[in-house]
Amino acid sequence: MAKEEIADRKFTSLLELEEILGVSEIKRFAHRSQGSQRELFLLLGQALKDEMLMKVKNADSYGLMVDEATDVSVVEQLISFIQFANPETGAPEVHFLSIQNVVESSTSANSATIVKLIKEELSNDGLDITKLGSLASDGASVMTGSRNGVAAKLRETVSTLINIHCICHRLALACNDANDNLTQISLVETAIKASKDSLNKLVQENITVKEFRKETTTGKLACLEFSEDEITKTEAKMHDLCSQYVTALTDNIDQRFQHSLPVVSSFRIFDPLSMPIANPEFVGYGQNDIQTLANTFLVEMKTAANALNWKLNGTTSSMSCRTGVRTTRLFLHLLQLPQNGPYSGS
């Protein structure tokens, strides 16, 4: 049922279907109540967990990934995953370990409570805490605090513990910070092209039609018993509809980015990682991008330069200043220009 993504509540209906299909012995299976179903799932889950724990115990070390979440009943839960290198294959594996009620025996979800829950889970599973090599979390202070954080308290027991701020959470924080003050966007052109290529691939390779053919012949729709003629006609309609949709979508992408994409893509010259190493490429590197940026922002910069030149010279006879000094001052002032426009003072 889990592999076919069938809901647990369909368990009883599935048994009844098997009876209709001729599996008469299934009627002797009397454990069909909600309590019995729950017990079956718990036993299956424990069997899978025991098998996984055997691998962890044979591994040299393991790491934990923990996070707090609040369920629909507004109960704070501690979710734990365990990662280790399979001793037989050497391949890294990540498995669900446990979910625990944080405030079941505590009044606060503080670091002491979380450490207690982690130690209890490891002890109940028969895992050696000294083999705990790393702890990955969302980076919250309760987890990563230098003195009273969960990692700090666990390090009192396992001095070699490595504290890891989850890369996914860090990426999310970085994206949020970048949205507040976005100065450049790299690889935009590549991402848009890849999106359009993926959409066109749907039409060129008839992916949707092939999936429909698979579902109607051997998949979940096979029971509807479509005729070959019906399937062929439906496939033709699906192909035309998919083609029209992809064309409209790619055209819309082009319209939305055709003016801004060249300018946004030109900001890649500020990315040191995109700088070519080879000499022939380096000679002309960035010239086209600089020209695009210049064409876009030069008018505004000239306006700012004229305004600043007027400000520096003033309306008096300050023209006696040497040209070199005035030019240097103008250049330094330009570097401090705000991004929202030229000088607007009186």
C-alpha atoms as a PDB file:
ATOM      1  CA  MET A   1       0.000   0.000   0.000  1.00  0.00           C
ATOM      2  CA  ALA A   2       2.804   2.411   0.858  1.00  0.00           C
ATOM      3  CA  LYS A   3       4.640   1.704  -2.400  1.00  0.00           C
ATOM      4  CA  GLU A   4       1.470   2.370  -4.394  1.00  0.00           C
ATOM      5  CA  GLU A   5       0.717   5.507  -2.318  1.00  0.00           C
ATOM      6  CA  ILE A   6      -2.633   4.089  -1.171  1.00  0.00           C
ATOM      7  CA  ALA A   7      -4.129   5.639   1.956  1.00  0.00           C
ATOM      8  CA  ASP A   8      -4.137   3.539   5.131  1.00  0.00           C
ATOM      9  CA  ARG A   9      -7.913   3.832   5.423  1.00  0.00           C
ATOM     10  CA  LYS A  10      -8.211   1.777   2.236  1.00  0.00           C
ATOM     11  CA  PHE A  11      -6.830  -1.277   4.056  1.00  0.00           C
ATOM     12  CA  THR A  12     -10.240  -2.780   4.793  1.00  0.00           C
ATOM     13  CA  SER A  13     -11.530  -2.037   1.293  1.00  0.00           C
ATOM     14  CA  LEU A  14      -8.470  -3.769  -0.150  1.00  0.00           C
ATOM     15  CA  LEU A  15      -9.215  -6.913   1.857  1.00  0.00           C
ATOM     16  CA  GLU A  16     -12.814  -6.875   0.628  1.00  0.00           C
ATOM     17  CA  LEU A  17     -11.611  -6.535  -2.961  1.00  0.00           C
ATOM     18  CA  GLU A  18      -9.354  -9.551  -2.542  1.00  0.00           C
ATOM     19  CA  GLU A  19     -12.362 -11.573  -1.341  1.00  0.00           C
ATOM     20  CA  ILE A  20     -14.322 -10.542  -4.433  1.00  0.00           C
ATOM     21  CA  LEU A  21     -11.383 -11.522  -6.648  1.00  0.00           C
ATOM     22  CA  GLY A  22     -11.484 -15.043  -5.252  1.00  0.00           C
ATOM     23  CA  VAL A  23      -9.006 -15.026  -2.366  1.00  0.00           C
ATOM     24  CA  SER A  24     -11.384 -16.831  -0.051  1.00  0.00           C
ATOM     25  CA  GLU A  25      -8.805 -17.348   2.716  1.00  0.00           C
ATOM     26  CA  ILE A  26      -8.717 -13.594   3.355  1.00  0.00           C
ATOM     27  CA  LYS A  27     -12.128 -13.732   5.044  1.00  0.00           C
ATOM     28  CA  ARG A  28     -10.457 -15.530   7.950  1.00  0.00           C
ATOM     29  CA  PHE A  29      -8.356 -12.453   8.569  1.00  0.00           C
ATOM     30  CA  ALA A  30     -10.359 -10.866  11.393  1.00  0.00           C
ATOM     31  CA  HIS A  31      -7.961  -8.083  12.425  1.00  0.00           C
ATOM     32  CA  ARG A  32      -9.738  -5.286  10.577  1.00  0.00           C
ATOM     33  CA  SER A  33     -10.465  -2.740  13.299  1.00  0.00           C
ATOM     34  CA  GLN A  34      -8.667   0.582  13.447  1.00  0.00           C
ATOM     35  CA  GLY A  35      -6.740  -0.597  16.489  1.00  0.00           C
ATOM     36  CA  SER A  36      -5.591  -3.768  14.731  1.00  0.00           C
ATOM     37  CA  GLN A  37      -4.555  -1.805  11.648  1.00  0.00           C
ATOM     38  CA  ARG A  38      -2.545   0.594  13.760  1.00  0.00           C
ATOM     39  CA  GLU A  39      -0.833  -2.300  15.528  1.00  0.00           C
ATOM     40  CA  LEU A  40       0.047  -3.894  12.179  1.00  0.00           C
ATOM     41  CA  PHE A  41       1.632  -0.700  10.901  1.00  0.00           C
ATOM     42  CA  LEU A  42       3.557  -0.198  14.136  1.00  0.00           C
ATOM     43  CA  LEU A  43       4.905  -3.758  13.969  1.00  0.00           C
ATOM     44  CA  LEU A  44       5.962  -3.307  10.351  1.00  0.00           C
ATOM     45  CA  GLY A  45       7.600  -0.004  11.215  1.00  0.00           C
ATOM     46  CA  GLN A  46       9.463  -1.514  14.165  1.00  0.00           C
ATOM     47  CA  ALA A  47      10.700  -4.400  11.996  1.00  0.00           C
ATOM     48  CA  LEU A  48      12.085  -1.956   9.428  1.00  0.00           C
ATOM     49  CA  LYS A  49      13.611   0.162  12.200  1.00  0.00           C
ATOM     50  CA  ASP A  50      15.308  -2.877  13.805  1.00  0.00           C
ATOM     51  CA  GLU A  51      16.820  -3.810  10.450  1.00  0.00           C
ATOM     52  CA  MET A  52      18.129  -0.278  10.014  1.00  0.00           C
ATOM     53  CA  LEU A  53      19.523  -0.104  13.566  1.00  0.00           C
ATOM     54  CA  MET A  54      21.581  -3.249  12.958  1.00  0.00           C
ATOM     55  CA  LYS A  55      23.385  -1.428  10.156  1.00  0.00           C
ATOM     56  CA  VAL A  56      23.931   1.650  12.341  1.00  0.00           C
ATOM     57  CA  LYS A  57      25.418  -0.443  15.163  1.00  0.00           C
ATOM     58  CA  ASN A  58      27.905  -1.976  12.732  1.00  0.00           C
ATOM     59  CA  ALA A  59      28.921   1.427  11.366  1.00  0.00           C
ATOM     60  CA  ASP A  60      31.926   3.285  12.776  1.00  0.00           C
ATOM     61  CA  SER A  61      29.906   6.437  13.432  1.00  0.00           C
ATOM     62  CA  TYR A  62      26.607   8.104  12.661  1.00  0.00           C
ATOM     63  CA  GLY A  63      25.061  11.547  12.550  1.00  0.00           C
ATOM     64  CA  LEU A  64      21.692  12.970  13.562  1.00  0.00           C
ATOM     65  CA  MET A  65      19.473  15.497  11.797  1.00  0.00           C
ATOM     66  CA  VAL A  66      16.887  16.965  14.147  1.00  0.00           C
ATOM     67  CA  ASP A  67      14.199  19.611  13.850  1.00  0.00           C
ATOM     68  CA  GLU A  68      11.172  20.766  15.770  1.00  0.00           C
ATOM     69  CA  ALA A  69       7.696  20.864  14.268  1.00  0.00           C
ATOM     70  CA  THR A  70       4.159  21.483  15.503  1.00  0.00           C
ATOM     71  CA  ASP A  71       1.515  18.988  14.354  1.00  0.00           C
ATOM     72  CA  VAL A  72      -2.180  19.605  13.662  1.00  0.00           C
ATOM     73  CA  SER A  73      -3.012  19.149  17.339  1.00  0.00           C
ATOM     74  CA  VAL A  74      -0.567  21.982  18.192  1.00  0.00           C
ATOM     75  CA  VAL A  75       1.796  19.564  19.906  1.00  0.00           C
ATOM     76  CA  GLU A  76       5.486  20.312  19.525  1.00  0.00           C
ATOM     77  CA  GLN A  77       7.364  17.307  18.161  1.00  0.00           C
ATOM     78  CA  LEU A  78      11.063  16.538  17.763  1.00  0.00           C
ATOM     79  CA  ILE A  79      11.722  14.769  14.462  1.00  0.00           C
ATOM     80  CA  SER A  80      15.001  12.890  14.101  1.00  0.00           C
ATOM     81  CA  PHE A  81      16.739  11.335  11.109  1.00  0.00           C
ATOM     82  CA  ILE A  82      19.915   9.295  11.248  1.00  0.00           C
ATOM     83  CA  GLN A  83      22.692   9.207   8.665  1.00  0.00           C
ATOM     84  CA  PHE A  84      25.508   6.698   8.402  1.00  0.00           C
ATOM     85  CA  ALA A  85      27.745   4.886   5.943  1.00  0.00           C
ATOM     86  CA  ASN A  86      26.433   1.403   5.186  1.00  0.00           C
ATOM     87  CA  PRO A  87      29.190  -0.934   6.471  1.00  0.00           C
ATOM     88  CA  GLU A  88      28.535  -3.387   3.622  1.00  0.00           C
ATOM     89  CA  THR A  89      28.415  -1.020   0.648  1.00  0.00           C
ATOM     90  CA  GLY A  90      30.096   2.105   1.989  1.00  0.00           C
ATOM     91  CA  ALA A  91      27.246   4.220   0.595  1.00  0.00           C
ATOM     92  CA  PRO A  92      25.724   6.925   2.832  1.00  0.00           C
ATOM     93  CA  GLU A  93      22.160   6.279   3.966  1.00  0.00           C
ATOM     94  CA  VAL A  94      19.588   8.515   5.646  1.00  0.00           C
ATOM     95  CA  HIS A  95      16.653   7.001   7.548  1.00  0.00           C
ATOM     96  CA  PHE A  96      13.811   8.250   9.704  1.00  0.00           C
ATOM     97  CA  LEU A  97      14.620   7.517  13.342  1.00  0.00           C
ATOM     98  CA  SER A  98      11.903   8.863  15.611  1.00  0.00           C
ATOM     99  CA  ILE A  99       9.312  11.490  16.416  1.00  0.00           C
ATOM    100  CA  GLN A 100       8.943  12.521  20.068  1.00  0.00           C
ATOM    101  CA  ASN A 101       6.555  14.738  22.020  1.00  0.00           C
ATOM    102  CA  VAL A 102       8.803  17.515  23.312  1.00  0.00           C
ATOM    103  CA  VAL A 103       6.567  18.777  26.122  1.00  0.00           C
ATOM    104  CA  GLU A 104       5.209  15.411  27.251  1.00  0.00           C
ATOM    105  CA  SER A 105       7.490  15.345  30.288  1.00  0.00           C
ATOM    106  CA  SER A 106       8.698  18.950  30.254  1.00  0.00           C
ATOM    107  CA  THR A 107       7.182  22.406  30.423  1.00  0.00           C
ATOM    108  CA  SER A 108       9.524  23.959  27.881  1.00  0.00           C
ATOM    109  CA  ALA A 109      11.148  22.974  24.587  1.00  0.00           C
ATOM    110  CA  ASN A 110      14.552  24.166  25.740  1.00  0.00           C
ATOM    111  CA  SER A 111      17.943  22.667  24.967  1.00  0.00           C
ATOM    112  CA  ALA A 112      17.990  20.526  28.119  1.00  0.00           C
ATOM    113  CA  THR A 113      14.684  18.900  27.146  1.00  0.00           C
ATOM    114  CA  ILE A 114      15.844  18.227  23.582  1.00  0.00           C
ATOM    115  CA  VAL A 115      19.149  16.742  24.757  1.00  0.00           C
ATOM    116  CA  LYS A 116      17.261  14.492  27.156  1.00  0.00           C
ATOM    117  CA  LEU A 117      14.981  13.262  24.363  1.00  0.00           C
ATOM    118  CA  ILE A 118      17.928  12.574  22.042  1.00  0.00           C
ATOM    119  CA  LYS A 119      19.785  10.609  24.694  1.00  0.00           C
ATOM    120  CA  GLU A 120      16.647   8.631  25.588  1.00  0.00           C
ATOM    121  CA  GLU A 121      16.064   7.711  21.937  1.00  0.00           C
ATOM    122  CA  LEU A 122      19.659   6.587  21.423  1.00  0.00           C
ATOM    123  CA  SER A 123      19.542   4.551  24.630  1.00  0.00           C
ATOM    124  CA  ASN A 124      16.230   2.892  23.728  1.00  0.00           C
ATOM    125  CA  ASP A 125      17.618   2.010  20.300  1.00  0.00           C
ATOM    126  CA  GLY A 126      20.772   0.527  21.794  1.00  0.00           C
ATOM    127  CA  LEU A 127      23.049   2.974  19.998  1.00  0.00           C
ATOM    128  CA  ASP A 128      26.402   4.008  21.440  1.00  0.00           C
ATOM    129  CA  ILE A 129      26.275   7.774  21.978  1.00  0.00           C
ATOM    130  CA  THR A 130      30.066   8.007  21.732  1.00  0.00           C
ATOM    131  CA  LYS A 131      29.716   7.107  18.033  1.00  0.00           C
ATOM    132  CA  LEU A 132      27.601  10.210  17.441  1.00  0.00           C
ATOM    133  CA  GLY A 133      29.770  12.198  15.052  1.00  0.00           C
ATOM    134  CA  SER A 134      27.591  15.109  13.971  1.00  0.00           C
ATOM    135  CA  LEU A 135      24.380  16.980  14.683  1.00  0.00           C
ATOM    136  CA  ALA A 136      22.611  18.881  11.889  1.00  0.00           C
ATOM    137  CA  SER A 137      19.877  21.371  12.780  1.00  0.00           C
ATOM    138  CA  ASP A 138      18.111  24.480  11.520  1.00  0.00           C
ATOM    139  CA  GLY A 139      20.642  26.767  13.187  1.00  0.00           C
ATOM    140  CA  ALA A 140      18.269  28.112  15.833  1.00  0.00           C
ATOM    141  CA  SER A 141      19.938  29.359  19.011  1.00  0.00           C
ATOM    142  CA  VAL A 142      18.406  26.542  21.060  1.00  0.00           C
ATOM    143  CA  MET A 143      20.283  24.122  18.799  1.00  0.00           C
ATOM    144  CA  THR A 144      23.554  25.916  18.072  1.00  0.00           C
ATOM    145  CA  GLY A 145      24.071  28.198  21.084  1.00  0.00           C
ATOM    146  CA  SER A 146      27.763  28.236  22.005  1.00  0.00           C
ATOM    147  CA  ARG A 147      27.118  27.636  25.709  1.00  0.00           C
ATOM    148  CA  ASN A 148      23.636  26.248  26.273  1.00  0.00           C
ATOM    149  CA  GLY A 149      22.709  24.961  22.821  1.00  0.00           C
ATOM    150  CA  VAL A 150      21.856  21.327  22.167  1.00  0.00           C
ATOM    151  CA  ALA A 151      25.129  20.736  20.331  1.00  0.00           C
ATOM    152  CA  ALA A 152      27.132  22.318  23.156  1.00  0.00           C
ATOM    153  CA  LYS A 153      25.438  20.132  25.764  1.00  0.00           C
ATOM    154  CA  LEU A 154      25.931  16.968  23.689  1.00  0.00           C
ATOM    155  CA  ARG A 155      29.589  17.901  23.265  1.00  0.00           C
ATOM    156  CA  GLU A 156      29.956  17.525  27.027  1.00  0.00           C
ATOM    157  CA  THR A 157      29.353  13.806  26.455  1.00  0.00           C
ATOM    158  CA  VAL A 158      30.894  13.486  22.970  1.00  0.00           C
ATOM    159  CA  SER A 159      33.749  15.988  22.738  1.00  0.00           C
ATOM    160  CA  THR A 160      34.360  15.295  19.036  1.00  0.00           C
ATOM    161  CA  LEU A 161      30.792  16.113  17.969  1.00  0.00           C
ATOM    162  CA  ILE A 162      30.568  18.324  14.861  1.00  0.00           C
ATOM    163  CA  ASN A 163      27.755  20.872  14.845  1.00  0.00           C
ATOM    164  CA  ILE A 164      26.300  21.466  11.349  1.00  0.00           C
ATOM    165  CA  HIS A 165      23.909  24.226  10.339  1.00  0.00           C
ATOM    166  CA  CYS A 166      21.632  22.521   7.778  1.00  0.00           C
ATOM    167  CA  ILE A 167      22.567  23.656   4.268  1.00  0.00           C
ATOM    168  CA  CYS A 168      18.903  23.816   3.216  1.00  0.00           C
ATOM    169  CA  HIS A 169      18.042  26.165   6.076  1.00  0.00           C
ATOM    170  CA  ARG A 170      21.142  28.245   5.364  1.00  0.00           C
ATOM    171  CA  LEU A 171      20.190  28.476   1.711  1.00  0.00           C
ATOM    172  CA  ALA A 172      16.674  29.594   2.650  1.00  0.00           C
ATOM    173  CA  LEU A 173      18.074  32.283   4.952  1.00  0.00           C
ATOM    174  CA  ALA A 174      20.511  33.402   2.256  1.00  0.00           C
ATOM    175  CA  CYS A 175      17.707  33.681  -0.292  1.00  0.00           C
ATOM    176  CA  ASN A 176      15.593  35.721   2.114  1.00  0.00           C
ATOM    177  CA  ASP A 177      18.506  38.058   2.806  1.00  0.00           C
ATOM    178  CA  ALA A 178      19.276  38.347  -0.898  1.00  0.00           C
ATOM    179  CA  ASN A 179      15.697  39.355  -1.652  1.00  0.00           C
ATOM    180  CA  ASP A 180      16.045  42.313   0.708  1.00  0.00           C
ATOM    181  CA  ASN A 181      19.027  43.778  -1.136  1.00  0.00           C
ATOM    182  CA  LEU A 182      19.511  42.056  -4.482  1.00  0.00           C
ATOM    183  CA  THR A 183      22.493  43.493  -6.364  1.00  0.00           C
ATOM    184  CA  GLN A 184      23.071  40.878  -9.038  1.00  0.00           C
ATOM    185  CA  ILE A 185      21.588  37.735 -10.500  1.00  0.00           C
ATOM    186  CA  SER A 186      23.802  35.112 -12.091  1.00  0.00           C
ATOM    187  CA  LEU A 187      22.987  32.307 -14.450  1.00  0.00           C
ATOM    188  CA  VAL A 188      19.489  33.673 -15.108  1.00  0.00           C
ATOM    189  CA  GLU A 189      19.850  33.199 -18.843  1.00  0.00           C
ATOM    190  CA  THR A 190      20.943  29.576 -18.395  1.00  0.00           C
ATOM    191  CA  ALA A 191      18.034  28.824 -16.061  1.00  0.00           C
ATOM    192  CA  ILE A 192      15.464  30.319 -18.445  1.00  0.00           C
ATOM    193  CA  LYS A 193      16.917  28.420 -21.408  1.00  0.00           C
ATOM    194  CA  ALA A 194      16.898  25.175 -19.407  1.00  0.00           C
ATOM    195  CA  SER A 195      13.240  25.755 -18.472  1.00  0.00           C
ATOM    196  CA  LYS A 196      12.254  26.339 -22.089  1.00  0.00           C
ATOM    197  CA  ASP A 197      14.235  23.282 -23.237  1.00  0.00           C
ATOM    198  CA  SER A 198      12.464  21.114 -20.650  1.00  0.00           C
ATOM    199  CA  LEU A 199       9.083  22.357 -21.817  1.00  0.00           C
ATOM    200  CA  ASN A 200       9.903  21.754 -25.481  1.00  0.00           C
ATOM    201  CA  LYS A 201      11.134  18.285 -24.595  1.00  0.00           C
ATOM    202  CA  LEU A 202       7.627  17.395 -23.403  1.00  0.00           C
ATOM    203  CA  VAL A 203       6.334  17.968 -26.932  1.00  0.00           C
ATOM    204  CA  GLN A 204       9.304  16.654 -28.913  1.00  0.00           C
ATOM    205  CA  GLU A 205       9.478  13.356 -27.041  1.00  0.00           C
ATOM    206  CA  ASN A 206       5.714  12.990 -26.502  1.00  0.00           C
ATOM    207  CA  ILE A 207       6.298  12.424 -22.801  1.00  0.00           C
ATOM    208  CA  THR A 208       2.713  13.133 -21.730  1.00  0.00           C
ATOM    209  CA  VAL A 209       1.339  10.864 -24.462  1.00  0.00           C
ATOM    210  CA  LYS A 210       3.689   8.049 -23.473  1.00  0.00           C
ATOM    211  CA  GLU A 211       2.663   8.373 -19.827  1.00  0.00           C
ATOM    212  CA  PHE A 212      -1.002   8.248 -20.832  1.00  0.00           C
ATOM    213  CA  ARG A 213      -0.378   5.137 -22.965  1.00  0.00           C
ATOM    214  CA  LYS A 214       1.402   3.472 -20.038  1.00  0.00           C
ATOM    215  CA  GLU A 215      -1.398   4.238 -17.574  1.00  0.00           C
ATOM    216  CA  THR A 216      -4.142   3.017 -19.924  1.00  0.00           C
ATOM    217  CA  THR A 217      -2.392  -0.249 -20.772  1.00  0.00           C
ATOM    218  CA  THR A 218      -0.596  -1.399 -17.629  1.00  0.00           C
ATOM    219  CA  GLY A 219      -1.270   1.323 -15.059  1.00  0.00           C
ATOM    220  CA  LYS A 220      -4.141   2.477 -12.869  1.00  0.00           C
ATOM    221  CA  LEU A 221      -6.378   3.321 -15.859  1.00  0.00           C
ATOM    222  CA  ALA A 222      -6.079  -0.134 -17.428  1.00  0.00           C
ATOM    223  CA  CYS A 223      -9.235  -1.261 -15.641  1.00  0.00           C
ATOM    224  CA  LEU A 224     -11.275   1.197 -17.741  1.00  0.00           C
ATOM    225  CA  GLU A 225     -10.606  -0.969 -20.815  1.00  0.00           C
ATOM    226  CA  PHE A 226     -10.246   1.755 -23.449  1.00  0.00           C
ATOM    227  CA  SER A 227     -10.248   0.562 -27.055  1.00  0.00           C
ATOM    228  CA  GLU A 228      -7.150   1.142 -29.153  1.00  0.00           C
ATOM    229  CA  ASP A 229      -9.061   3.608 -31.311  1.00  0.00           C
ATOM    230  CA  GLU A 230     -10.136   5.636 -28.275  1.00  0.00           C
ATOM    231  CA  ILE A 231      -6.612   5.686 -26.924  1.00  0.00           C
ATOM    232  CA  THR A 232      -5.184   6.838 -30.278  1.00  0.00           C
ATOM    233  CA  LYS A 233      -7.703   9.674 -30.608  1.00  0.00           C
ATOM    234  CA  THR A 234      -7.088  10.814 -27.042  1.00  0.00           C
ATOM    235  CA  GLU A 235      -3.306  10.738 -27.582  1.00  0.00           C
ATOM    236  CA  ALA A 236      -3.650  12.981 -30.650  1.00  0.00           C
ATOM    237  CA  LYS A 237      -5.733  15.494 -28.679  1.00  0.00           C
ATOM    238  CA  MET A 238      -3.278  15.391 -25.781  1.00  0.00           C
ATOM    239  CA  HIS A 239      -0.330  16.033 -28.107  1.00  0.00           C
ATOM    240  CA  ASP A 240      -2.037  19.050 -29.723  1.00  0.00           C
ATOM    241  CA  LEU A 241      -3.094  20.452 -26.348  1.00  0.00           C
ATOM    242  CA  CYS A 242       0.378  19.986 -24.865  1.00  0.00           C
ATOM    243  CA  SER A 243       1.987  21.606 -27.932  1.00  0.00           C
ATOM    244  CA  GLN A 244      -0.313  24.642 -27.720  1.00  0.00           C
ATOM    245  CA  TYR A 245       0.270  25.005 -23.996  1.00  0.00           C
ATOM    246  CA  VAL A 246       4.078  24.757 -24.253  1.00  0.00           C
ATOM    247  CA  THR A 247       4.156  27.261 -27.145  1.00  0.00           C
ATOM    248  CA  ALA A 248       2.034  29.745 -25.211  1.00  0.00           C
ATOM    249  CA  LEU A 249       4.136  29.298 -22.077  1.00  0.00           C
ATOM    250  CA  THR A 250       7.506  29.723 -23.807  1.00  0.00           C
ATOM    251  CA  ASP A 251       6.224  32.786 -25.685  1.00  0.00           C
ATOM    252  CA  ASN A 252       5.070  34.259 -22.381  1.00  0.00           C
ATOM    253  CA  ILE A 253       8.521  33.633 -20.855  1.00  0.00           C
ATOM    254  CA  ASP A 254      10.188  35.389 -23.800  1.00  0.00           C
ATOM    255  CA  GLN A 255       7.867  38.382 -23.529  1.00  0.00           C
ATOM    256  CA  ARG A 256       8.462  38.776 -19.834  1.00  0.00           C
ATOM    257  CA  PHE A 257      12.275  38.551 -20.005  1.00  0.00           C
ATOM    258  CA  GLN A 258      13.169  39.882 -23.457  1.00  0.00           C
ATOM    259  CA  HIS A 259      13.973  43.404 -22.205  1.00  0.00           C
ATOM    260  CA  SER A 260      15.424  42.684 -18.770  1.00  0.00           C
ATOM    261  CA  LEU A 261      17.242  39.396 -19.397  1.00  0.00           C
ATOM    262  CA  PRO A 262      20.293  40.835 -21.227  1.00  0.00           C
ATOM    263  CA  VAL A 263      20.844  43.429 -18.476  1.00  0.00           C
ATOM    264  CA  VAL A 264      20.328  40.986 -15.603  1.00  0.00           C
ATOM    265  CA  SER A 265      22.576  38.378 -17.231  1.00  0.00           C
ATOM    266  CA  SER A 266      25.338  40.975 -17.673  1.00  0.00           C
ATOM    267  CA  PHE A 267      25.788  41.170 -13.901  1.00  0.00           C
ATOM    268  CA  ARG A 268      27.606  37.808 -14.146  1.00  0.00           C
ATOM    269  CA  ILE A 269      30.849  39.730 -14.751  1.00  0.00           C
ATOM    270  CA  PHE A 270      30.856  40.524 -11.024  1.00  0.00           C
ATOM    271  CA  ASP A 271      31.003  36.812 -10.189  1.00  0.00           C
ATOM    272  CA  PRO A 272      34.709  35.865  -9.779  1.00  0.00           C
ATOM    273  CA  LEU A 273      33.880  32.175 -10.218  1.00  0.00           C
ATOM    274  CA  SER A 274      32.720  32.744 -13.793  1.00  0.00           C
ATOM    275  CA  MET A 275      36.010  34.370 -14.840  1.00  0.00           C
ATOM    276  CA  PRO A 276      37.778  32.241 -17.500  1.00  0.00           C
ATOM    277  CA  ILE A 277      41.259  30.909 -16.808  1.00  0.00           C
ATOM    278  CA  ALA A 278      42.420  30.444 -20.393  1.00  0.00           C
ATOM    279  CA  ASN A 279      44.226  33.444 -21.929  1.00  0.00           C
ATOM    280  CA  PRO A 280      42.317  33.668 -25.254  1.00  0.00           C
ATOM    281  CA  GLU A 281      38.968  33.828 -23.457  1.00  0.00           C
ATOM    282  CA  PHE A 282      40.213  36.230 -20.795  1.00  0.00           C
ATOM    283  CA  VAL A 283      41.325  38.878 -23.296  1.00  0.00           C
ATOM    284  CA  GLY A 284      37.778  39.731 -24.366  1.00  0.00           C
ATOM    285  CA  TYR A 285      36.028  38.597 -21.209  1.00  0.00           C
ATOM    286  CA  GLY A 286      33.146  40.791 -20.076  1.00  0.00           C
ATOM    287  CA  GLN A 287      33.344  43.380 -22.856  1.00  0.00           C
ATOM    288  CA  ASN A 288      29.857  42.690 -24.200  1.00  0.00           C
ATOM    289  CA  ASP A 289      28.414  42.580 -20.679  1.00  0.00           C
ATOM    290  CA  ILE A 290      30.059  45.882 -19.763  1.00  0.00           C
ATOM    291  CA  GLN A 291      28.720  47.461 -22.944  1.00  0.00           C
ATOM    292  CA  THR A 292      25.197  46.271 -22.115  1.00  0.00           C
ATOM    293  CA  LEU A 293      25.411  47.685 -18.593  1.00  0.00           C
ATOM    294  CA  ALA A 294      26.883  50.924 -19.903  1.00  0.00           C
ATOM    295  CA  ASN A 295      24.106  51.357 -22.452  1.00  0.00           C
ATOM    296  CA  THR A 296      21.558  50.812 -19.702  1.00  0.00           C
ATOM    297  CA  PHE A 297      23.016  52.930 -16.901  1.00  0.00           C
ATOM    298  CA  LEU A 298      25.271  55.444 -18.702  1.00  0.00           C
ATOM    299  CA  VAL A 299      22.541  58.059 -19.150  1.00  0.00           C
ATOM    300  CA  GLU A 300      21.803  58.041 -15.433  1.00  0.00           C
ATOM    301  CA  MET A 301      25.511  58.178 -14.584  1.00  0.00           C
ATOM    302  CA  LYS A 302      26.068  61.146 -16.933  1.00  0.00           C
ATOM    303  CA  THR A 303      23.196  62.982 -15.285  1.00  0.00           C
ATOM    304  CA  ALA A 304      24.711  62.257 -11.882  1.00  0.00           C
ATOM    305  CA  ALA A 305      28.147  63.388 -13.057  1.00  0.00           C
ATOM    306  CA  ASN A 306      26.787  66.689 -14.367  1.00  0.00           C
ATOM    307  CA  ALA A 307      24.922  67.323 -11.122  1.00  0.00           C
ATOM    308  CA  LEU A 308      27.996  66.545  -9.039  1.00  0.00           C
ATOM    309  CA  ASN A 309      30.236  68.611 -11.269  1.00  0.00           C
ATOM    310  CA  TRP A 310      27.930  71.569 -10.725  1.00  0.00           C
ATOM    311  CA  LYS A 311      27.956  70.887  -6.976  1.00  0.00           C
ATOM    312  CA  LEU A 312      31.755  70.686  -6.771  1.00  0.00           C
ATOM    313  CA  ASN A 313      32.345  73.797  -8.860  1.00  0.00           C
ATOM    314  CA  GLY A 314      29.503  75.768  -7.261  1.00  0.00           C
ATOM    315  CA  THR A 315      28.313  79.096  -8.574  1.00  0.00           C
ATOM    316  CA  THR A 316      31.392  81.001  -7.413  1.00  0.00           C
ATOM    317  CA  SER A 317      34.842  81.351  -8.882  1.00  0.00           C
ATOM    318  CA  SER A 318      36.104  77.996  -7.566  1.00  0.00           C
ATOM    319  CA  MET A 319      37.395  77.193 -11.062  1.00  0.00           C
ATOM    320  CA  SER A 320      40.867  77.962  -9.767  1.00  0.00           C
ATOM    321  CA  CYS A 321      41.052  74.383  -8.392  1.00  0.00           C
ATOM    322  CA  ARG A 322      43.350  72.194 -10.365  1.00  0.00           C
ATOM    323  CA  THR A 323      41.642  69.910 -12.867  1.00  0.00           C
ATOM    324  CA  GLY A 324      43.251  66.777 -11.456  1.00  0.00           C
ATOM    325  CA  VAL A 325      42.022  67.424  -7.930  1.00  0.00           C
ATOM    326  CA  ARG A 326      38.481  68.189  -9.130  1.00  0.00           C
ATOM    327  CA  THR A 327      38.370  65.027 -11.261  1.00  0.00           C
ATOM    328  CA  THR A 328      39.549  62.875  -8.353  1.00  0.00           C
ATOM    329  CA  ARG A 329      36.922  64.331  -6.058  1.00  0.00           C
ATOM    330  CA  LEU A 330      34.244  63.760  -8.690  1.00  0.00           C
ATOM    331  CA  PHE A 331      35.260  60.129  -9.170  1.00  0.00           C
ATOM    332  CA  LEU A 332      35.323  59.413  -5.418  1.00  0.00           C
ATOM    333  CA  HIS A 333      31.905  61.006  -5.007  1.00  0.00           C
ATOM    334  CA  LEU A 334      30.508  58.934  -7.873  1.00  0.00           C
ATOM    335  CA  LEU A 335      31.564  55.768  -6.083  1.00  0.00           C
ATOM    336  CA  GLN A 336      29.407  56.776  -3.116  1.00  0.00           C
ATOM    337  CA  LEU A 337      26.277  57.453  -5.215  1.00  0.00           C
ATOM    338  CA  PRO A 338      23.063  55.888  -3.876  1.00  0.00           C
ATOM    339  CA  GLN A 339      21.569  53.236  -6.173  1.00  0.00           C
ATOM    340  CA  ASN A 340      18.197  54.984  -6.474  1.00  0.00           C
ATOM    341  CA  GLY A 341      19.402  57.861  -8.638  1.00  0.00           C
ATOM    342  CA  PRO A 342      21.680  60.899  -9.032  1.00  0.00           C
ATOM    343  CA  TYR A 343      22.370  63.616  -6.537  1.00  0.00           C
ATOM    344  CA  SER A 344      19.192  65.463  -5.719  1.00  0.00           C
ATOM    345  CA  GLY A 345      20.414  68.024  -3.205  1.00  0.00           C
ATOM    346  CA  SER A 346      20.183  71.789  -3.632  1.00  0.00           C
END
